[in-house]
Amino acid sequence: MKADVSDEDEVKAMFARAIDHFGTLHIAVNKAGLQRDAAFHQMTLEQWNTVNLTGQFLCARAAVREFGRRGVDSPVSVAAGKLLFMSSVHQEIRLGGPR
């Protein structure tokens, strides 16, 4: 299911389609982010929020709302749901040149 995860309405629609198709969700894996040509220290707050924080927040919030609506499904897990947040290879890139 494709959606712009920085757009709240698209995230809501994506989760609605997923829940309609699967009945519920038990896990959400957040791996949203885009490469920007600006170095981290030159990135604007708007770029950071749109690309790296907003998408993960909106998807996690939608998942948690579904987990709360459904509650614990004890044959599946002792928790109502699971959230997994992933990073990228950019943690390996240093500022200021080679290692």
PDB file of N, CA and C in Angstrom:
ATOM      1  N   MET A   1       0.851  -1.166   0.000  1.00  0.00           N
ATOM      2  CA  MET A   1       0.000   0.000   0.000  1.00  0.00           C
ATOM      3  C   MET A   1       0.895   1.225   0.000  1.00  0.00           C
ATOM      4  N   LYS A   2       0.675   2.082  -0.938  1.00  0.00           N
ATOM      5  CA  LYS A   2       1.533   3.238  -1.125  1.00  0.00           C
ATOM      6  C   LYS A   2       0.880   4.471  -0.517  1.00  0.00           C
ATOM      7  N   ALA A   3       1.695   5.273   0.176  1.00  0.00           N
ATOM      8  CA  ALA A   3       1.195   6.522   0.753  1.00  0.00           C
ATOM      9  C   ALA A   3       2.369   7.459   1.010  1.00  0.00           C
ATOM     10  N   ASP A   4       2.102   8.733   0.961  1.00  0.00           N
ATOM     11  CA  ASP A   4       3.060   9.744   1.396  1.00  0.00           C
ATOM     12  C   ASP A   4       2.919   9.823   2.906  1.00  0.00           C
ATOM     13  N   VAL A   5       3.887   9.271   3.635  1.00  0.00           N
ATOM     14  CA  VAL A   5       3.744   9.175   5.083  1.00  0.00           C
ATOM     15  C   VAL A   5       3.935  10.508   5.794  1.00  0.00           C
ATOM     16  N   SER A   6       4.267  11.556   5.057  1.00  0.00           N
ATOM     17  CA  SER A   6       4.316  12.888   5.666  1.00  0.00           C
ATOM     18  C   SER A   6       2.954  13.575   5.578  1.00  0.00           C
ATOM     19  N   ASP A   7       1.993  12.927   4.927  1.00  0.00           N
ATOM     20  CA  ASP A   7       0.647  13.480   4.747  1.00  0.00           C
ATOM     21  C   ASP A   7      -0.328  12.720   5.649  1.00  0.00           C
ATOM     22  N   GLU A   8      -0.877  13.413   6.635  1.00  0.00           N
ATOM     23  CA  GLU A   8      -1.745  12.772   7.626  1.00  0.00           C
ATOM     24  C   GLU A   8      -2.932  12.050   6.995  1.00  0.00           C
ATOM     25  N   ASP A   9      -3.570  12.660   6.008  1.00  0.00           N
ATOM     26  CA  ASP A   9      -4.725  12.023   5.378  1.00  0.00           C
ATOM     27  C   ASP A   9      -4.333  10.754   4.632  1.00  0.00           C
ATOM     28  N   GLU A  10      -3.177  10.762   3.975  1.00  0.00           N
ATOM     29  CA  GLU A  10      -2.728   9.557   3.268  1.00  0.00           C
ATOM     30  C   GLU A  10      -2.388   8.434   4.246  1.00  0.00           C
ATOM     31  N   VAL A  11      -1.812   8.782   5.387  1.00  0.00           N
ATOM     32  CA  VAL A  11      -1.506   7.766   6.402  1.00  0.00           C
ATOM     33  C   VAL A  11      -2.801   7.170   6.941  1.00  0.00           C
ATOM     34  N   LYS A  12      -3.773   8.005   7.250  1.00  0.00           N
ATOM     35  CA  LYS A  12      -5.062   7.505   7.740  1.00  0.00           C
ATOM     36  C   LYS A  12      -5.702   6.571   6.719  1.00  0.00           C
ATOM     37  N   ALA A  13      -5.661   6.947   5.446  1.00  0.00           N
ATOM     38  CA  ALA A  13      -6.253   6.116   4.393  1.00  0.00           C
ATOM     39  C   ALA A  13      -5.486   4.802   4.239  1.00  0.00           C
ATOM     40  N   MET A  14      -4.170   4.864   4.331  1.00  0.00           N
ATOM     41  CA  MET A  14      -3.356   3.652   4.207  1.00  0.00           C
ATOM     42  C   MET A  14      -3.674   2.673   5.342  1.00  0.00           C
ATOM     43  N   PHE A  15      -3.756   3.181   6.568  1.00  0.00           N
ATOM     44  CA  PHE A  15      -4.073   2.304   7.697  1.00  0.00           C
ATOM     45  C   PHE A  15      -5.499   1.773   7.586  1.00  0.00           C
ATOM     46  N   ALA A  16      -6.419   2.581   7.130  1.00  0.00           N
ATOM     47  CA  ALA A  16      -7.798   2.110   6.951  1.00  0.00           C
ATOM     48  C   ALA A  16      -7.853   0.972   5.930  1.00  0.00           C
ATOM     49  N   ARG A  17      -7.112   1.118   4.820  1.00  0.00           N
ATOM     50  CA  ARG A  17      -7.071   0.047   3.808  1.00  0.00           C
ATOM     51  C   ARG A  17      -6.443  -1.220   4.375  1.00  0.00           C
ATOM     52  N   ALA A  18      -5.351  -1.067   5.129  1.00  0.00           N
ATOM     53  CA  ALA A  18      -4.677  -2.231   5.705  1.00  0.00           C
ATOM     54  C   ALA A  18      -5.588  -2.952   6.698  1.00  0.00           C
ATOM     55  N   ILE A  19      -6.247  -2.195   7.546  1.00  0.00           N
ATOM     56  CA  ILE A  19      -7.138  -2.793   8.550  1.00  0.00           C
ATOM     57  C   ILE A  19      -8.343  -3.441   7.877  1.00  0.00           C
ATOM     58  N   ASP A  20      -8.851  -2.804   6.833  1.00  0.00           N
ATOM     59  CA  ASP A  20      -9.958  -3.389   6.082  1.00  0.00           C
ATOM     60  C   ASP A  20      -9.528  -4.709   5.445  1.00  0.00           C
ATOM     61  N   HIS A  21      -8.321  -4.742   4.925  1.00  0.00           N
ATOM     62  CA  HIS A  21      -7.826  -5.950   4.250  1.00  0.00           C
ATOM     63  C   HIS A  21      -7.464  -7.065   5.231  1.00  0.00           C
ATOM     64  N   PHE A  22      -6.731  -6.726   6.309  1.00  0.00           N
ATOM     65  CA  PHE A  22      -6.232  -7.731   7.237  1.00  0.00           C
ATOM     66  C   PHE A  22      -7.113  -7.931   8.469  1.00  0.00           C
ATOM     67  N   GLY A  23      -8.035  -7.024   8.716  1.00  0.00           N
ATOM     68  CA  GLY A  23      -8.894  -7.124   9.888  1.00  0.00           C
ATOM     69  C   GLY A  23      -8.357  -6.337  11.067  1.00  0.00           C
ATOM     70  N   THR A  24      -7.049  -6.335  11.251  1.00  0.00           N
ATOM     71  CA  THR A  24      -6.376  -5.570  12.292  1.00  0.00           C
ATOM     72  C   THR A  24      -4.889  -5.576  11.974  1.00  0.00           C
ATOM     73  N   LEU A  25      -4.129  -4.912  12.807  1.00  0.00           N
ATOM     74  CA  LEU A  25      -2.669  -4.914  12.693  1.00  0.00           C
ATOM     75  C   LEU A  25      -2.093  -5.241  14.058  1.00  0.00           C
ATOM     76  N   HIS A  26      -0.986  -5.970  14.077  1.00  0.00           N
ATOM     77  CA  HIS A  26      -0.321  -6.318  15.326  1.00  0.00           C
ATOM     78  C   HIS A  26       1.063  -5.702  15.440  1.00  0.00           C
ATOM     79  N   ILE A  27       1.597  -5.232  14.323  1.00  0.00           N
ATOM     80  CA  ILE A  27       2.934  -4.644  14.321  1.00  0.00           C
ATOM     81  C   ILE A  27       2.989  -3.557  13.258  1.00  0.00           C
ATOM     82  N   ALA A  28       3.770  -2.517  13.550  1.00  0.00           N
ATOM     83  CA  ALA A  28       4.037  -1.475  12.562  1.00  0.00           C
ATOM     84  C   ALA A  28       5.545  -1.275  12.496  1.00  0.00           C
ATOM     85  N   VAL A  29       6.096  -1.369  11.306  1.00  0.00           N
ATOM     86  CA  VAL A  29       7.529  -1.157  11.086  1.00  0.00           C
ATOM     87  C   VAL A  29       7.683   0.188  10.397  1.00  0.00           C
ATOM     88  N   ASN A  30       8.316   1.113  11.091  1.00  0.00           N
ATOM     89  CA  ASN A  30       8.519   2.458  10.560  1.00  0.00           C
ATOM     90  C   ASN A  30       9.920   2.583   9.990  1.00  0.00           C
ATOM     91  N   LYS A  31       9.998   2.724   8.677  1.00  0.00           N
ATOM     92  CA  LYS A  31      11.276   2.874   7.986  1.00  0.00           C
ATOM     93  C   LYS A  31      11.116   3.955   6.942  1.00  0.00           C
ATOM     94  N   ALA A  32      10.722   5.128   7.383  1.00  0.00           N
ATOM     95  CA  ALA A  32      10.504   6.226   6.455  1.00  0.00           C
ATOM     96  C   ALA A  32      11.636   7.225   6.570  1.00  0.00           C
ATOM     97  N   GLY A  33      12.076   7.719   5.451  1.00  0.00           N
ATOM     98  CA  GLY A  33      13.100   8.747   5.428  1.00  0.00           C
ATOM     99  C   GLY A  33      13.572   8.936   4.005  1.00  0.00           C
ATOM    100  N   LEU A  34      13.993  10.112   3.700  1.00  0.00           N
ATOM    101  CA  LEU A  34      14.497  10.433   2.369  1.00  0.00           C
ATOM    102  C   LEU A  34      15.889  11.024   2.471  1.00  0.00           C
ATOM    103  N   GLN A  35      16.677  10.763   1.467  1.00  0.00           N
ATOM    104  CA  GLN A  35      17.996  11.380   1.392  1.00  0.00           C
ATOM    105  C   GLN A  35      17.831  12.843   1.006  1.00  0.00           C
ATOM    106  N   ARG A  36      18.438  13.707   1.745  1.00  0.00           N
ATOM    107  CA  ARG A  36      18.498  15.128   1.402  1.00  0.00           C
ATOM    108  C   ARG A  36      19.947  15.463   1.129  1.00  0.00           C
ATOM    109  N   ASP A  37      20.178  16.334   0.177  1.00  0.00           N
ATOM    110  CA  ASP A  37      21.546  16.694  -0.151  1.00  0.00           C
ATOM    111  C   ASP A  37      22.196  17.561   0.917  1.00  0.00           C
ATOM    112  N   ALA A  38      21.409  18.182   1.759  1.00  0.00           N
ATOM    113  CA  ALA A  38      21.961  19.005   2.834  1.00  0.00           C
ATOM    114  C   ALA A  38      22.499  18.103   3.935  1.00  0.00           C
ATOM    115  N   ALA A  39      23.649  18.476   4.446  1.00  0.00           N
ATOM    116  CA  ALA A  39      24.181  17.766   5.606  1.00  0.00           C
ATOM    117  C   ALA A  39      23.246  18.006   6.786  1.00  0.00           C
ATOM    118  N   PHE A  40      23.276  17.109   7.738  1.00  0.00           N
ATOM    119  CA  PHE A  40      22.400  17.202   8.908  1.00  0.00           C
ATOM    120  C   PHE A  40      22.429  18.591   9.534  1.00  0.00           C
ATOM    121  N   HIS A  41      23.624  19.150   9.706  1.00  0.00           N
ATOM    122  CA  HIS A  41      23.742  20.450  10.371  1.00  0.00           C
ATOM    123  C   HIS A  41      23.277  21.612   9.498  1.00  0.00           C
ATOM    124  N   GLN A  42      23.004  21.349   8.215  1.00  0.00           N
ATOM    125  CA  GLN A  42      22.490  22.383   7.313  1.00  0.00           C
ATOM    126  C   GLN A  42      21.013  22.188   6.980  1.00  0.00           C
ATOM    127  N   MET A  43      20.433  21.100   7.445  1.00  0.00           N
ATOM    128  CA  MET A  43      19.042  20.795   7.138  1.00  0.00           C
ATOM    129  C   MET A  43      18.112  21.732   7.895  1.00  0.00           C
ATOM    130  N   THR A  44      17.050  22.152   7.225  1.00  0.00           N
ATOM    131  CA  THR A  44      16.070  23.012   7.887  1.00  0.00           C
ATOM    132  C   THR A  44      15.147  22.182   8.765  1.00  0.00           C
ATOM    133  N   LEU A  45      14.522  22.814   9.721  1.00  0.00           N
ATOM    134  CA  LEU A  45      13.570  22.120  10.585  1.00  0.00           C
ATOM    135  C   LEU A  45      12.412  21.567   9.761  1.00  0.00           C
ATOM    136  N   GLU A  46      11.958  22.309   8.777  1.00  0.00           N
ATOM    137  CA  GLU A  46      10.876  21.834   7.923  1.00  0.00           C
ATOM    138  C   GLU A  46      11.274  20.551   7.188  1.00  0.00           C
ATOM    139  N   GLN A  47      12.499  20.498   6.639  1.00  0.00           N
ATOM    140  CA  GLN A  47      12.965  19.283   5.965  1.00  0.00           C
ATOM    141  C   GLN A  47      13.011  18.111   6.951  1.00  0.00           C
ATOM    142  N   TRP A  48      13.549  18.327   8.121  1.00  0.00           N
ATOM    143  CA  TRP A  48      13.672  17.267   9.117  1.00  0.00           C
ATOM    144  C   TRP A  48      12.304  16.738   9.530  1.00  0.00           C
ATOM    145  N   ASN A  49      11.392  17.644   9.858  1.00  0.00           N
ATOM    146  CA  ASN A  49      10.062  17.226  10.304  1.00  0.00           C
ATOM    147  C   ASN A  49       9.314  16.464   9.231  1.00  0.00           C
ATOM    148  N   THR A  50       9.343  16.936   8.012  1.00  0.00           N
ATOM    149  CA  THR A  50       8.595  16.303   6.936  1.00  0.00           C
ATOM    150  C   THR A  50       9.138  14.935   6.608  1.00  0.00           C
ATOM    151  N   VAL A  51      10.429  14.820   6.495  1.00  0.00           N
ATOM    152  CA  VAL A  51      11.009  13.583   6.002  1.00  0.00           C
ATOM    153  C   VAL A  51      11.257  12.566   7.102  1.00  0.00           C
ATOM    154  N   ASN A  52      11.848  12.986   8.190  1.00  0.00           N
ATOM    155  CA  ASN A  52      12.371  12.021   9.144  1.00  0.00           C
ATOM    156  C   ASN A  52      11.535  11.829  10.402  1.00  0.00           C
ATOM    157  N   LEU A  53      10.764  12.803  10.772  1.00  0.00           N
ATOM    158  CA  LEU A  53       9.994  12.648  12.005  1.00  0.00           C
ATOM    159  C   LEU A  53       8.501  12.496  11.761  1.00  0.00           C
ATOM    160  N   THR A  54       7.945  13.302  10.917  1.00  0.00           N
ATOM    161  CA  THR A  54       6.499  13.316  10.738  1.00  0.00           C
ATOM    162  C   THR A  54       5.958  11.971  10.270  1.00  0.00           C
ATOM    163  N   GLY A  55       6.588  11.375   9.279  1.00  0.00           N
ATOM    164  CA  GLY A  55       6.103  10.096   8.763  1.00  0.00           C
ATOM    165  C   GLY A  55       6.108   9.001   9.808  1.00  0.00           C
ATOM    166  N   GLN A  56       7.192   8.929  10.577  1.00  0.00           N
ATOM    167  CA  GLN A  56       7.251   7.898  11.609  1.00  0.00           C
ATOM    168  C   GLN A  56       6.233   8.177  12.711  1.00  0.00           C
ATOM    169  N   PHE A  57       6.075   9.447  13.086  1.00  0.00           N
ATOM    170  CA  PHE A  57       5.076   9.799  14.098  1.00  0.00           C
ATOM    171  C   PHE A  57       3.670   9.434  13.633  1.00  0.00           C
ATOM    172  N   LEU A  58       3.300   9.841  12.417  1.00  0.00           N
ATOM    173  CA  LEU A  58       1.938   9.603  11.934  1.00  0.00           C
ATOM    174  C   LEU A  58       1.633   8.104  11.831  1.00  0.00           C
ATOM    175  N   CYS A  59       2.599   7.333  11.347  1.00  0.00           N
ATOM    176  CA  CYS A  59       2.369   5.889  11.228  1.00  0.00           C
ATOM    177  C   CYS A  59       2.307   5.217  12.594  1.00  0.00           C
ATOM    178  N   ALA A  60       3.195   5.605  13.499  1.00  0.00           N
ATOM    179  CA  ALA A  60       3.159   5.019  14.845  1.00  0.00           C
ATOM    180  C   ALA A  60       1.863   5.371  15.551  1.00  0.00           C
ATOM    181  N   ARG A  61       1.427   6.616  15.414  1.00  0.00           N
ATOM    182  CA  ARG A  61       0.181   7.029  16.067  1.00  0.00           C
ATOM    183  C   ARG A  61      -1.010   6.247  15.517  1.00  0.00           C
ATOM    184  N   ALA A  62      -1.064   6.081  14.196  1.00  0.00           N
ATOM    185  CA  ALA A  62      -2.169   5.319  13.596  1.00  0.00           C
ATOM    186  C   ALA A  62      -2.148   3.868  14.077  1.00  0.00           C
ATOM    187  N   ALA A  63      -0.969   3.291  14.180  1.00  0.00           N
ATOM    188  CA  ALA A  63      -0.865   1.912  14.656  1.00  0.00           C
ATOM    189  C   ALA A  63      -1.315   1.801  16.109  1.00  0.00           C
ATOM    190  N   VAL A  64      -0.850   2.703  16.951  1.00  0.00           N
ATOM    191  CA  VAL A  64      -1.213   2.663  18.373  1.00  0.00           C
ATOM    192  C   VAL A  64      -2.717   2.848  18.556  1.00  0.00           C
ATOM    193  N   ARG A  65      -3.312   3.678  17.729  1.00  0.00           N
ATOM    194  CA  ARG A  65      -4.772   3.850  17.806  1.00  0.00           C
ATOM    195  C   ARG A  65      -5.487   2.542  17.481  1.00  0.00           C
ATOM    196  N   GLU A  66      -4.983   1.806  16.486  1.00  0.00           N
ATOM    197  CA  GLU A  66      -5.578   0.503  16.161  1.00  0.00           C
ATOM    198  C   GLU A  66      -5.323  -0.494  17.278  1.00  0.00           C
ATOM    199  N   PHE A  67      -4.122  -0.504  17.830  1.00  0.00           N
ATOM    200  CA  PHE A  67      -3.813  -1.413  18.942  1.00  0.00           C
ATOM    201  C   PHE A  67      -4.765  -1.149  20.113  1.00  0.00           C
ATOM    202  N   GLY A  68      -4.967   0.117  20.435  1.00  0.00           N
ATOM    203  CA  GLY A  68      -5.850   0.484  21.538  1.00  0.00           C
ATOM    204  C   GLY A  68      -7.301   0.141  21.266  1.00  0.00           C
ATOM    205  N   ARG A  69      -7.736   0.346  20.032  1.00  0.00           N
ATOM    206  CA  ARG A  69      -9.117   0.016  19.656  1.00  0.00           C
ATOM    207  C   ARG A  69      -9.365  -1.474  19.822  1.00  0.00           C
ATOM    208  N   ARG A  70      -8.397  -2.282  19.375  1.00  0.00           N
ATOM    209  CA  ARG A  70      -8.558  -3.728  19.400  1.00  0.00           C
ATOM    210  C   ARG A  70      -8.245  -4.312  20.763  1.00  0.00           C
ATOM    211  N   GLY A  71      -7.260  -3.773  21.452  1.00  0.00           N
ATOM    212  CA  GLY A  71      -6.835  -4.345  22.728  1.00  0.00           C
ATOM    213  C   GLY A  71      -5.909  -5.527  22.519  1.00  0.00           C
ATOM    214  N   VAL A  72      -5.595  -6.204  23.604  1.00  0.00           N
ATOM    215  CA  VAL A  72      -4.688  -7.346  23.548  1.00  0.00           C
ATOM    216  C   VAL A  72      -5.392  -8.537  22.900  1.00  0.00           C
ATOM    217  N   ASP A  73      -4.719  -9.151  21.960  1.00  0.00           N
ATOM    218  CA  ASP A  73      -5.190 -10.375  21.303  1.00  0.00           C
ATOM    219  C   ASP A  73      -4.310 -11.496  21.843  1.00  0.00           C
ATOM    220  N   SER A  74      -4.694 -12.062  22.986  1.00  0.00           N
ATOM    221  CA  SER A  74      -3.809 -12.962  23.736  1.00  0.00           C
ATOM    222  C   SER A  74      -3.292 -14.177  22.957  1.00  0.00           C
ATOM    223  N   PRO A  75      -4.003 -14.726  21.972  1.00  0.00           N
ATOM    224  CA  PRO A  75      -3.379 -15.807  21.195  1.00  0.00           C
ATOM    225  C   PRO A  75      -2.174 -15.324  20.366  1.00  0.00           C
ATOM    226  N   VAL A  76      -2.122 -14.020  20.117  1.00  0.00           N
ATOM    227  CA  VAL A  76      -1.041 -13.458  19.298  1.00  0.00           C
ATOM    228  C   VAL A  76       0.101 -12.944  20.155  1.00  0.00           C
ATOM    229  N   SER A  77      -0.213 -12.208  21.229  1.00  0.00           N
ATOM    230  CA  SER A  77       0.819 -11.563  22.038  1.00  0.00           C
ATOM    231  C   SER A  77       0.238 -11.130  23.379  1.00  0.00           C
ATOM    232  N   VAL A  78       1.121 -10.883  24.329  1.00  0.00           N
ATOM    233  CA  VAL A  78       0.688 -10.335  25.618  1.00  0.00           C
ATOM    234  C   VAL A  78       0.590  -8.815  25.545  1.00  0.00           C
ATOM    235  N   ALA A  79       1.025  -8.227  24.428  1.00  0.00           N
ATOM    236  CA  ALA A  79       0.943  -6.781  24.214  1.00  0.00           C
ATOM    237  C   ALA A  79      -0.126  -6.493  23.170  1.00  0.00           C
ATOM    238  N   ALA A  80      -0.677  -5.303  23.214  1.00  0.00           N
ATOM    239  CA  ALA A  80      -1.698  -4.920  22.234  1.00  0.00           C
ATOM    240  C   ALA A  80      -1.103  -4.748  20.841  1.00  0.00           C
ATOM    241  N   GLY A  81       0.183  -4.471  20.755  1.00  0.00           N
ATOM    242  CA  GLY A  81       0.833  -4.306  19.468  1.00  0.00           C
ATOM    243  C   GLY A  81       2.306  -3.996  19.644  1.00  0.00           C
ATOM    244  N   LYS A  82       3.009  -3.979  18.548  1.00  0.00           N
ATOM    245  CA  LYS A  82       4.441  -3.726  18.575  1.00  0.00           C
ATOM    246  C   LYS A  82       4.789  -2.647  17.553  1.00  0.00           C
ATOM    247  N   LEU A  83       5.713  -1.760  17.942  1.00  0.00           N
ATOM    248  CA  LEU A  83       6.238  -0.734  17.050  1.00  0.00           C
ATOM    249  C   LEU A  83       7.716  -0.982  16.854  1.00  0.00           C
ATOM    250  N   LEU A  84       8.168  -0.920  15.621  1.00  0.00           N
ATOM    251  CA  LEU A  84       9.574  -1.081  15.302  1.00  0.00           C
ATOM    252  C   LEU A  84      10.000   0.128  14.469  1.00  0.00           C
ATOM    253  N   PHE A  85      11.042   0.813  14.921  1.00  0.00           N
ATOM    254  CA  PHE A  85      11.569   1.973  14.209  1.00  0.00           C
ATOM    255  C   PHE A  85      12.952   1.632  13.694  1.00  0.00           C
ATOM    256  N   MET A  86      13.175   1.875  12.415  1.00  0.00           N
ATOM    257  CA  MET A  86      14.461   1.549  11.803  1.00  0.00           C
ATOM    258  C   MET A  86      15.177   2.822  11.380  1.00  0.00           C
ATOM    259  N   SER A  87      16.480   2.734  11.383  1.00  0.00           N
ATOM    260  CA  SER A  87      17.331   3.841  10.971  1.00  0.00           C
ATOM    261  C   SER A  87      17.790   3.592   9.538  1.00  0.00           C
ATOM    262  N   SER A  88      18.809   4.306   9.133  1.00  0.00           N
ATOM    263  CA  SER A  88      19.360   4.128   7.797  1.00  0.00           C
ATOM    264  C   SER A  88      20.869   4.013   7.896  1.00  0.00           C
ATOM    265  N   VAL A  89      21.500   3.917   6.762  1.00  0.00           N
ATOM    266  CA  VAL A  89      22.964   3.825   6.734  1.00  0.00           C
ATOM    267  C   VAL A  89      23.620   5.143   7.116  1.00  0.00           C
ATOM    268  N   HIS A  90      22.862   6.203   7.234  1.00  0.00           N
ATOM    269  CA  HIS A  90      23.449   7.515   7.469  1.00  0.00           C
ATOM    270  C   HIS A  90      24.082   7.661   8.843  1.00  0.00           C
ATOM    271  N   GLN A  91      23.822   6.746   9.757  1.00  0.00           N
ATOM    272  CA  GLN A  91      24.514   6.800  11.034  1.00  0.00           C
ATOM    273  C   GLN A  91      25.992   6.468  10.850  1.00  0.00           C
ATOM    274  N   GLU A  92      26.348   5.912   9.688  1.00  0.00           N
ATOM    275  CA  GLU A  92      27.735   5.564   9.406  1.00  0.00           C
ATOM    276  C   GLU A  92      28.507   6.694   8.733  1.00  0.00           C
ATOM    277  N   ILE A  93      27.835   7.759   8.328  1.00  0.00           N
ATOM    278  CA  ILE A  93      28.483   8.865   7.624  1.00  0.00           C
ATOM    279  C   ILE A  93      28.873   9.938   8.633  1.00  0.00           C
ATOM    280  N   ARG A  94      30.130  10.244   8.717  1.00  0.00           N
ATOM    281  CA  ARG A  94      30.632  11.232   9.650  1.00  0.00           C
ATOM    282  C   ARG A  94      30.644  12.610   9.015  1.00  0.00           C
ATOM    283  N   LEU A  95      30.446  13.637   9.845  1.00  0.00           N
ATOM    284  CA  LEU A  95      30.631  15.010   9.400  1.00  0.00           C
ATOM    285  C   LEU A  95      32.115  15.324   9.396  1.00  0.00           C
ATOM    286  N   GLY A  96      32.570  16.087   8.427  1.00  0.00           N
ATOM    287  CA  GLY A  96      33.933  16.569   8.459  1.00  0.00           C
ATOM    288  C   GLY A  96      34.972  15.651   7.862  1.00  0.00           C
ATOM    289  N   GLY A  97      34.603  14.689   7.069  1.00  0.00           N
ATOM    290  CA  GLY A  97      35.612  13.924   6.367  1.00  0.00           C
ATOM    291  C   GLY A  97      35.745  12.488   6.816  1.00  0.00           C
ATOM    292  N   PRO A  98      36.802  11.831   6.317  1.00  0.00           N
ATOM    293  CA  PRO A  98      36.988  10.395   6.582  1.00  0.00           C
ATOM    294  C   PRO A  98      37.327  10.122   8.046  1.00  0.00           C
ATOM    295  N   ARG A  99      37.159   8.867   8.409  1.00  0.00           N
ATOM    296  CA  ARG A  99      37.410   8.439   9.790  1.00  0.00           C
ATOM    297  C   ARG A  99      38.865   8.390  10.106  1.00  0.00           C
TER     298      ARG A  99
END
